[in-house]
Amino acid sequence: MLNLLARIFIKDYKNVKNEKVRSKYGVLAGIFGIITNLILVAIKLFLGIIFMSISIIADAMNNLSDMGSSLLTLIGFKVSSKPADKEHPFGHQRIEYIIGLVIAMVIAFVGIELLTESINKIITPNPISSEIITYVLLGVAILLKVFQGLFYLSASKRISSISLKASAKDSINDVIATSAILIGTIVSKLINYNLDGIIGVLVSIFIIITAIGLIKESISPLIGEKPDPSIVNAITTDIKSYKGIYGIHDMIAHLYGPNKIFITLHCEVDRRVDVMESHDLIDTIEIDIKKKYGVEIVIHMDPIVIGDPIHDKIKGQVINVVKDISDELRIHDFRMVKGNVHINLIFDLVVPFGKKFDNDTLVSTISREMKLLDERYNCVINIDEDYVD
């Protein structure tokens, strides 16, 4: 269904990396959600009013809030696709995360309201009143919600959208909620006891838990999280493939939206190569990576010693000492400065996030182990943080 509608309404629909194309997918999903939710509201309000079912009317109000969420999605994609301006030089794509957060909060509110209503129904159950048309129309509503959820999920995967993923999960919640109402209605009729309240409590708790997860997922990119490891690995591999690049470190990525990534990193080059030649290589890499991945990238050039046997030997000793402490530690920017008494070994030690290392202990251990190899070694160690691995 998504492919059919995309072909009809979205020019160049396969180019999902393009911001305009991506925005059109979001608008299409928003309009689709408004129409399908309007149909669901009409069906459930009809049933709820005819058979005086509070649970079905509450479910209709839930779909009415979903229609509002679809409208928010539509507006969010329209605004997030605006180009960068003076006040927002990095663009407006983070608005999509805010829309996802708002939708998640709406889901939480609906869950709390349904929980309250379900508890009231347990305390004061309503008389059982239903006909075959109730089961048929609720079944149609469930199928329509399944279809809607699959549409949202497919669109969210295609354009990597948190807000559409939230809408897909909301649709799944609605399927569960309406299914519970349908089952409760049938079973209640069979046993002559109203189970709507009990089932409603279970469904409400599930909805609230899902909403909390969505809220966390929407807040995370707003706070600032690391990029997709597959993108980082692909970019790293590509850069290392260029002749004249001997290593990469200090990569930092800033995410301003699903398709708005800014990257800075350091590339190691041979100090013996003419600086203009190395600079031309760096410029070429920046242009190629931007064109291939659609990211803004700035590369700092680090000249390093290549082919000096003494330098390589001592650097190898440092690497072995660090590796003996932990395979998760690594070094870069290694420099060696010989004095009359000491040989200063200057380097950055990369410590991964979330690992229990004491920085002072690491520095003293490495310094001690190197001095055991040669009394002249004096380690000057800078602790570096890993932002992307």
Protein backbone atom coordinates (compact mmCIF):
# COMPACT_ATOMS: atom_id res chain seq x y z
CA MET A 1 0.00 0.00 0.00
CA LEU A 2 2.80 2.40 0.94
CA ASN A 3 4.63 1.72 -2.34
CA LEU A 4 1.45 2.32 -4.36
CA LEU A 5 0.63 5.63 -2.65
CA ALA A 6 4.28 6.73 -2.75
CA ARG A 7 4.44 6.14 -6.51
CA ILE A 8 1.25 8.17 -7.02
CA PHE A 9 1.91 11.11 -4.70
CA ILE A 10 5.72 11.33 -4.22
CA LYS A 11 8.03 12.25 -7.06
CA ASP A 12 11.39 10.45 -6.84
CA TYR A 13 9.91 8.34 -4.00
CA LYS A 14 12.96 6.05 -3.78
CA ASN A 15 15.32 8.90 -2.85
CA VAL A 16 14.47 8.84 0.89
CA LYS A 17 17.74 10.59 1.80
CA ASN A 18 16.39 13.75 0.16
CA GLU A 19 14.78 15.99 2.80
CA LYS A 20 11.88 17.00 0.53
CA VAL A 21 11.09 13.38 -0.36
CA ARG A 22 11.31 12.38 3.29
CA SER A 23 8.95 15.21 4.26
CA LYS A 24 6.42 14.07 1.65
CA TYR A 25 6.42 10.57 3.16
CA GLY A 26 5.63 12.12 6.55
CA VAL A 27 2.83 14.25 5.10
CA LEU A 28 1.41 11.21 3.27
CA ALA A 29 1.43 9.21 6.52
CA GLY A 30 -0.22 12.09 8.37
CA ILE A 31 -3.06 12.39 5.81
CA PHE A 32 -3.49 8.60 5.76
CA GLY A 33 -3.75 8.62 9.57
CA ILE A 34 -6.32 11.44 9.63
CA ILE A 35 -8.59 9.67 7.13
CA THR A 36 -8.39 6.18 8.70
CA ASN A 37 -8.83 7.48 12.25
CA LEU A 38 -11.84 9.55 11.17
CA ILE A 39 -13.46 6.37 9.84
CA LEU A 40 -12.68 4.56 13.11
CA VAL A 41 -14.14 7.39 15.22
CA ALA A 42 -17.37 7.27 13.17
CA ILE A 43 -17.71 3.47 13.54
CA LYS A 44 -17.05 3.41 17.29
CA LEU A 45 -19.15 6.45 18.14
CA PHE A 46 -22.05 4.86 16.26
CA LEU A 47 -21.68 1.61 18.22
CA GLY A 48 -21.06 3.33 21.54
CA ILE A 49 -24.11 5.59 21.30
CA ILE A 50 -26.48 2.90 19.94
CA PHE A 51 -25.53 0.30 22.57
CA MET A 52 -24.64 2.79 25.35
CA SER A 53 -21.13 1.28 25.76
CA ILE A 54 -18.74 3.53 27.66
CA SER A 55 -15.75 1.36 26.72
CA ILE A 56 -16.46 1.70 22.99
CA ILE A 57 -17.05 5.46 23.30
CA ALA A 58 -13.74 5.74 25.22
CA ASP A 59 -12.05 3.80 22.41
CA ALA A 60 -13.59 6.23 19.92
CA MET A 61 -12.10 9.14 21.89
CA ASN A 62 -8.77 7.30 21.77
CA ASN A 63 -9.00 7.26 17.96
CA LEU A 64 -9.96 10.93 18.01
CA SER A 65 -6.69 11.66 19.85
CA ASP A 66 -4.92 9.51 17.24
CA MET A 67 -6.40 11.75 14.55
CA GLY A 68 -4.90 14.72 16.41
CA SER A 69 -1.56 12.89 16.54
CA SER A 70 -1.73 12.35 12.77
CA LEU A 71 -2.33 16.06 12.34
CA LEU A 72 0.72 16.75 14.54
CA THR A 73 2.75 14.34 12.40
CA LEU A 74 1.69 16.16 9.25
CA ILE A 75 2.57 19.57 10.72
CA GLY A 76 5.82 18.23 12.19
CA PHE A 77 7.12 16.94 8.86
CA LYS A 78 6.13 20.16 7.13
CA VAL A 79 8.03 22.27 9.68
CA SER A 80 11.04 19.93 10.01
CA SER A 81 11.63 20.06 6.25
CA LYS A 82 12.16 23.83 6.34
CA PRO A 83 15.68 24.76 5.23
CA ALA A 84 18.23 26.14 7.67
CA ASP A 85 17.91 29.82 8.51
CA LYS A 86 19.77 32.47 10.48
CA GLU A 87 18.26 31.41 13.82
CA HIS A 88 18.54 27.67 13.08
CA PRO A 89 21.69 27.11 10.98
CA PHE A 90 21.52 23.33 11.48
CA GLY A 91 17.97 23.02 10.14
CA HIS A 92 14.67 22.04 11.79
CA GLN A 93 14.70 18.22 11.69
CA ARG A 94 14.76 17.87 15.50
CA ILE A 95 11.15 19.10 15.51
CA GLU A 96 10.29 15.55 14.44
CA TYR A 97 11.68 14.26 17.74
CA ILE A 98 9.54 16.79 19.61
CA ILE A 99 6.45 15.62 17.69
CA GLY A 100 7.32 12.03 18.62
CA LEU A 101 7.54 13.10 22.28
CA VAL A 102 4.16 14.86 22.11
CA ILE A 103 2.54 11.78 20.54
CA ALA A 104 4.06 9.57 23.25
CA MET A 105 2.68 11.87 25.96
CA VAL A 106 -0.77 11.79 24.33
CA ILE A 107 -0.59 7.98 24.37
CA ALA A 108 0.31 8.07 28.08
CA PHE A 109 -2.58 10.44 28.82
CA VAL A 110 -5.04 8.20 26.94
CA GLY A 111 -3.70 5.18 28.85
CA ILE A 112 -4.24 6.91 32.20
CA GLU A 113 -7.76 8.00 31.20
CA LEU A 114 -8.63 4.46 30.07
CA LEU A 115 -7.22 3.07 33.33
CA THR A 116 -9.40 5.44 35.37
CA GLU A 117 -12.47 4.58 33.30
CA SER A 118 -11.76 0.84 33.58
CA ILE A 119 -11.48 1.01 37.38
CA ASN A 120 -14.79 2.88 37.51
CA LYS A 121 -16.37 0.16 35.36
CA ILE A 122 -15.12 -2.53 37.77
CA ILE A 123 -16.69 -0.64 40.69
CA THR A 124 -19.96 0.09 38.87
CA PRO A 125 -20.34 -2.32 35.91
CA ASN A 126 -22.74 -1.41 33.10
CA PRO A 127 -25.50 -3.74 31.91
CA ILE A 128 -24.44 -6.01 29.05
CA SER A 129 -25.88 -4.79 25.75
CA SER A 130 -24.54 -5.91 22.38
CA GLU A 131 -25.64 -7.29 19.02
CA ILE A 132 -23.94 -9.10 16.14
CA ILE A 133 -23.33 -5.76 14.38
CA THR A 134 -21.14 -4.75 17.35
CA TYR A 135 -18.82 -7.70 16.79
CA VAL A 136 -18.68 -7.16 13.03
CA LEU A 137 -17.91 -3.44 13.16
CA LEU A 138 -15.35 -3.87 15.98
CA GLY A 139 -13.70 -6.58 13.85
CA VAL A 140 -13.59 -4.17 10.89
CA ALA A 141 -12.08 -1.50 13.17
CA ILE A 142 -9.36 -3.92 14.34
CA LEU A 143 -8.44 -4.84 10.75
CA LEU A 144 -8.31 -1.17 9.77
CA LYS A 145 -6.01 -0.43 12.74
CA VAL A 146 -3.74 -3.35 11.81
CA PHE A 147 -3.54 -1.98 8.28
CA GLN A 148 -2.82 1.50 9.64
CA GLY A 149 -0.10 0.22 11.98
CA LEU A 150 1.64 -1.69 9.18
CA PHE A 151 1.50 1.42 6.98
CA TYR A 152 3.10 3.56 9.72
CA LEU A 153 5.72 0.90 10.50
CA SER A 154 6.70 0.53 6.85
CA ALA A 155 6.98 4.33 6.45
CA SER A 156 8.97 4.70 9.69
CA LYS A 157 11.53 2.12 8.55
CA ARG A 158 11.81 3.63 5.09
CA ILE A 159 12.63 7.15 6.35
CA SER A 160 13.98 6.28 9.85
CA SER A 161 11.27 8.29 11.64
CA ILE A 162 10.81 8.21 15.42
CA SER A 163 7.44 10.00 15.24
CA LEU A 164 6.02 7.48 12.72
CA LYS A 165 7.43 4.63 14.81
CA ALA A 166 5.53 6.09 17.78
CA SER A 167 2.37 6.25 15.66
CA ALA A 168 2.88 2.60 14.62
CA LYS A 169 3.17 1.52 18.26
CA ASP A 170 0.08 3.56 19.10
CA SER A 171 -1.83 1.72 16.36
CA ILE A 172 -0.68 -1.62 17.80
CA ASN A 173 -1.91 -0.48 21.23
CA ASP A 174 -5.27 0.40 19.68
CA VAL A 175 -5.50 -3.06 18.09
CA ILE A 176 -4.92 -4.62 21.50
CA ALA A 177 -7.38 -2.26 23.20
CA THR A 178 -10.18 -2.80 20.65
CA SER A 179 -9.52 -6.56 20.58
CA ALA A 180 -9.83 -6.63 24.36
CA ILE A 181 -13.13 -4.75 24.15
CA LEU A 182 -14.40 -7.18 21.48
CA ILE A 183 -13.35 -10.25 23.48
CA GLY A 184 -14.73 -8.73 26.68
CA THR A 185 -18.06 -8.02 24.97
CA ILE A 186 -18.38 -11.57 23.62
CA VAL A 187 -17.31 -13.30 26.85
CA SER A 188 -19.48 -11.01 28.97
CA LYS A 189 -22.48 -11.96 26.83
CA LEU A 190 -21.71 -15.67 27.23
CA ILE A 191 -21.19 -15.67 31.01
CA ASN A 192 -23.61 -12.83 31.73
CA TYR A 193 -20.93 -10.85 33.63
CA ASN A 194 -19.30 -7.62 32.43
CA LEU A 195 -15.52 -8.13 32.04
CA ASP A 196 -14.84 -4.82 30.28
CA GLY A 197 -13.35 -3.16 33.36
CA ILE A 198 -10.88 -5.94 34.18
CA ILE A 199 -9.65 -6.24 30.58
CA GLY A 200 -9.54 -2.44 30.32
CA VAL A 201 -7.19 -2.20 33.32
CA LEU A 202 -4.74 -4.69 31.76
CA VAL A 203 -4.83 -2.92 28.38
CA SER A 204 -4.40 0.51 30.01
CA ILE A 205 -1.30 -0.62 31.93
CA PHE A 206 0.19 -2.00 28.71
CA ILE A 207 -0.49 1.30 26.91
CA ILE A 208 1.11 3.35 29.73
CA ILE A 209 4.25 1.16 29.78
CA THR A 210 4.58 1.48 25.98
CA ALA A 211 4.16 5.26 26.23
CA ILE A 212 6.94 5.52 28.82
CA GLY A 213 9.27 3.63 26.46
CA LEU A 214 8.36 5.96 23.59
CA ILE A 215 8.96 9.03 25.75
CA LYS A 216 12.46 7.79 26.59
CA GLU A 217 13.12 7.00 22.92
CA SER A 218 12.03 10.48 21.83
CA ILE A 219 13.99 12.32 24.52
CA SER A 220 17.26 10.48 23.84
CA PRO A 221 18.13 12.15 20.47
CA LEU A 222 17.11 15.55 21.88
CA ILE A 223 19.65 15.12 24.68
CA GLY A 224 22.27 13.97 22.17
CA GLU A 225 23.09 10.38 21.28
CA LYS A 226 25.71 8.66 19.16
CA PRO A 227 24.95 7.97 15.47
CA ASP A 228 24.05 4.63 13.94
CA PRO A 229 27.19 2.41 14.28
CA SER A 230 26.69 1.10 10.73
CA ILE A 231 27.09 4.64 9.33
CA VAL A 232 30.17 5.28 11.49
CA ASN A 233 31.76 1.98 10.43
CA ALA A 234 31.01 2.59 6.75
CA ILE A 235 32.49 6.11 6.82
CA THR A 236 35.54 4.92 8.79
CA THR A 237 36.16 2.06 6.36
CA ASP A 238 35.84 4.35 3.35
CA ILE A 239 38.26 6.95 4.73
CA LYS A 240 40.85 4.32 5.69
CA SER A 241 40.73 2.98 2.12
CA TYR A 242 42.36 6.16 0.77
CA LYS A 243 46.07 5.81 0.07
CA GLY A 244 47.97 8.10 2.43
CA ILE A 245 45.61 7.72 5.43
CA TYR A 246 47.24 5.77 8.27
CA GLY A 247 44.58 6.04 10.96
CA ILE A 248 41.46 7.79 12.21
CA HIS A 249 40.64 9.05 15.71
CA ASP A 250 38.69 11.66 17.68
CA MET A 251 35.54 11.21 15.61
CA ILE A 252 32.65 13.29 16.96
CA ALA A 253 29.17 13.21 15.39
CA HIS A 254 26.37 15.66 16.10
CA LEU A 255 22.84 14.60 15.10
CA TYR A 256 20.41 17.40 14.28
CA GLY A 257 17.85 15.07 12.76
CA PRO A 258 17.56 11.67 11.03
CA ASN A 259 19.29 13.01 7.89
CA LYS A 260 21.26 15.90 9.39
CA ILE A 261 24.61 14.68 10.72
CA PHE A 262 27.73 16.78 11.32
CA ILE A 263 31.03 14.92 11.79
CA THR A 264 34.52 16.00 12.79
CA LEU A 265 37.49 13.63 12.94
CA HIS A 266 41.28 13.44 12.76
CA CYS A 267 43.12 11.63 9.94
CA GLU A 268 46.74 10.55 10.33
CA VAL A 269 49.06 11.29 7.39
CA ASP A 270 52.77 10.78 6.78
CA ARG A 271 54.68 13.83 8.03
CA ARG A 272 57.20 13.43 5.18
CA VAL A 273 54.57 14.09 2.49
CA ASP A 274 54.26 17.69 1.30
CA VAL A 275 51.59 19.46 3.35
CA MET A 276 49.80 20.74 0.22
CA GLU A 277 49.52 17.18 -1.11
CA SER A 278 48.11 15.89 2.20
CA HIS A 279 45.73 18.85 2.37
CA ASP A 280 44.46 18.06 -1.12
CA LEU A 281 43.87 14.44 -0.05
CA ILE A 282 41.84 15.60 2.97
CA ASP A 283 39.74 17.94 0.80
CA THR A 284 39.02 15.09 -1.62
CA ILE A 285 37.90 12.80 1.22
CA GLU A 286 35.59 15.47 2.67
CA ILE A 287 33.91 16.02 -0.72
CA ASP A 288 33.55 12.28 -1.42
CA ILE A 289 32.12 11.41 2.01
CA LYS A 290 29.65 14.30 1.92
CA LYS A 291 28.45 13.26 -1.54
CA LYS A 292 28.12 9.56 -0.66
CA TYR A 293 26.56 9.79 2.82
CA GLY A 294 24.95 13.24 2.85
CA VAL A 295 26.80 14.28 6.02
CA GLU A 296 28.66 17.48 6.77
CA ILE A 297 32.24 16.47 7.59
CA VAL A 298 35.33 18.38 8.69
CA ILE A 299 38.67 16.53 8.88
CA HIS A 300 41.71 17.63 10.89
CA MET A 301 45.04 16.50 9.47
CA ASP A 302 47.47 14.86 11.93
CA PRO A 303 51.04 14.34 10.62
CA ILE A 304 52.65 11.27 12.23
CA VAL A 305 56.02 9.52 12.07
CA ILE A 306 56.07 6.66 9.57
CA GLY A 307 58.95 4.26 8.93
CA ASP A 308 61.18 5.14 11.92
CA PRO A 309 62.20 1.80 13.51
CA ILE A 310 62.95 3.26 16.97
CA HIS A 311 59.68 5.22 17.04
CA ASP A 312 57.70 2.19 15.86
CA LYS A 313 59.36 -0.07 18.43
CA ILE A 314 58.56 2.20 21.39
CA LYS A 315 55.02 2.86 20.14
CA GLY A 316 54.56 -0.91 19.90
CA GLN A 317 55.72 -1.27 23.51
CA VAL A 318 53.13 1.28 24.66
CA ILE A 319 50.38 -0.49 22.68
CA ASN A 320 51.29 -3.85 24.26
CA VAL A 321 51.27 -2.38 27.79
CA VAL A 322 47.87 -0.80 27.19
CA LYS A 323 46.50 -4.00 25.64
CA ASP A 324 47.64 -6.04 28.65
CA ILE A 325 45.48 -3.81 30.86
CA SER A 326 42.40 -4.11 28.61
CA ASP A 327 41.59 -4.86 24.98
CA GLU A 328 39.05 -2.02 25.13
CA LEU A 329 41.75 0.64 25.56
CA ARG A 330 43.66 2.14 22.66
CA ILE A 331 46.05 5.01 21.93
CA HIS A 332 46.52 7.61 19.21
CA ASP A 333 48.51 10.79 18.52
CA PHE A 334 51.70 9.10 19.70
CA ARG A 335 54.73 11.38 19.72
CA MET A 336 58.23 10.84 21.07
CA VAL A 337 60.46 13.72 22.26
CA LYS A 338 64.04 12.84 23.23
CA GLY A 339 65.78 14.86 25.94
CA ASN A 340 69.19 14.60 27.60
CA VAL A 341 67.78 12.51 30.46
CA HIS A 342 64.25 11.42 29.54
CA ILE A 343 62.38 10.25 26.48
CA ASN A 344 58.92 11.81 26.68
CA LEU A 345 56.21 9.54 25.30
CA ILE A 346 53.19 11.72 24.57
CA PHE A 347 49.90 10.14 23.53
CA ASP A 348 46.12 10.07 24.00
CA LEU A 349 44.56 7.11 25.78
CA VAL A 350 40.98 6.39 24.64
CA VAL A 351 38.73 5.12 27.44
CA PRO A 352 35.28 3.83 26.36
CA PHE A 353 32.13 5.17 28.01
CA GLY A 354 30.46 3.06 30.67
CA LYS A 355 33.59 1.08 31.61
CA LYS A 356 34.88 1.02 35.17
CA PHE A 357 38.37 2.41 34.75
CA ASP A 358 40.04 4.78 37.18
CA ASN A 359 41.90 7.29 35.02
CA ASP A 360 44.59 8.05 37.61
CA THR A 361 45.25 4.33 38.10
CA LEU A 362 45.48 3.80 34.34
CA VAL A 363 48.02 6.61 33.93
CA SER A 364 50.19 5.45 36.87
CA THR A 365 50.06 1.78 35.75
CA ILE A 366 51.07 2.55 32.17
CA SER A 367 53.83 4.94 33.33
CA ARG A 368 55.19 2.35 35.77
CA GLU A 369 55.17 -0.48 33.21
CA MET A 370 56.96 1.64 30.63
CA LYS A 371 59.64 2.67 33.14
CA LEU A 372 60.26 -1.01 33.84
CA LEU A 373 61.12 -1.35 30.16
CA ASP A 374 63.38 1.71 30.17
CA GLU A 375 64.05 4.15 33.03
CA ARG A 376 64.26 7.01 30.54
CA TYR A 377 60.62 6.65 29.46
CA ASN A 378 58.41 9.45 30.80
CA CYS A 379 54.76 9.05 29.80
CA VAL A 380 52.64 12.16 29.21
CA ILE A 381 49.13 10.73 28.86
CA ASN A 382 45.94 12.58 27.94
CA ILE A 383 42.71 10.69 28.70
CA ASP A 384 40.42 10.85 25.68
CA GLU A 385 36.71 9.98 25.47
CA ASP A 386 35.18 7.87 22.77
CA TYR A 387 32.11 9.59 21.30
CA VAL A 388 31.00 7.17 18.60
CA ASP A 389 32.09 3.56 19.30
